[in-house]
Structures are given as C-alpha cells and as structure tokens.
Amino acid sequence: MFYRQKFSIFKIDIQEVDIYRATPLTEQTALKELGERIRAHRIALDLSRETLAEKAGIGKNTLVRLEMGQSVSLSHLVKVLLQFGFAESLVDTVPDYSRSPMMLLRESQKLPQRKRAGRKKKAAANAPWVWGEDK
C-alpha cells in the first residue's frame, strides 16, 4: 500500500506494470526475442550462418527460421545454444523440484514417521467359514 501511495503521482499501478517488458510475453514474442538474441550473439562472435549451422549440426535454413522467430525443434535450439555455451542457462530456466527446500528441511529435522492404527483382529480366525444364512 505504501508503494502504491508513493508512486501515485505517476498514475502507475505497480501490480500491472512489468518494468522490463511493455507487452505481455506470448509464444510468438518469445520466439522472436530468442531469434533476435541468437542472431545478435552470432554476429557478435563474427560467425556466418553457414559456419554456426555446421558447428551446431543443423541446416542453414533451420538456423534462419530460428533467427526469424519461427518454430523449430527444441533439439535444434539446444544445439545452437551449446555452441554459444548457454545450454546450462537453458536447463536452469526450469526449477529442479527433486529436492525442494521443504524436503531438505524435513530431512535435516528427522521428523518421526506417522504411524497407523492396526487393524482389529477377527475373534474367530480359526473357525470354519459358513454362509451368512446358516448363522
């Protein structure tokens, strides 16, 4: 509430404004931005499309589609990112939940296991079985 009051003179609702992106990220804008960044890195490293495509083991037309923001397979994207040394960053974009902080905390505290109540034993376990009508 304090921040909203502090910045109210700018007529900005802080909850709705993303300071890094003016438009919402859609599939098309994400592909286009990835393509532009890959092209910028290729040019910064002074690599031609043919050279990068050959090093990555993909076709030149696939690299062109990737740089234009068109859909390509994930394996092609990973191959190009490996050439730039960014594959680890790609893997880190998805959090690893195999050992969450709560799991680590529980393991460190060694909490006792929950125990279930045992089942009631039948009184006549050795009695011969009979139909319900015969009882």
Foldseek 3Di string as FASTA:
>chain_A
DVVCVVCVVVVDDVVPDDPVDPDDDDLQNVQQVQLCVLVVVCVVVVHDLCRLCVQLVHDSVLNVCSNRSHDDDPSSVLSSCVVVVCNVVVVVVDDDVPQDPVNVVCVVVVDDDDDDDDDDDDPPPPDDDDDPVVD
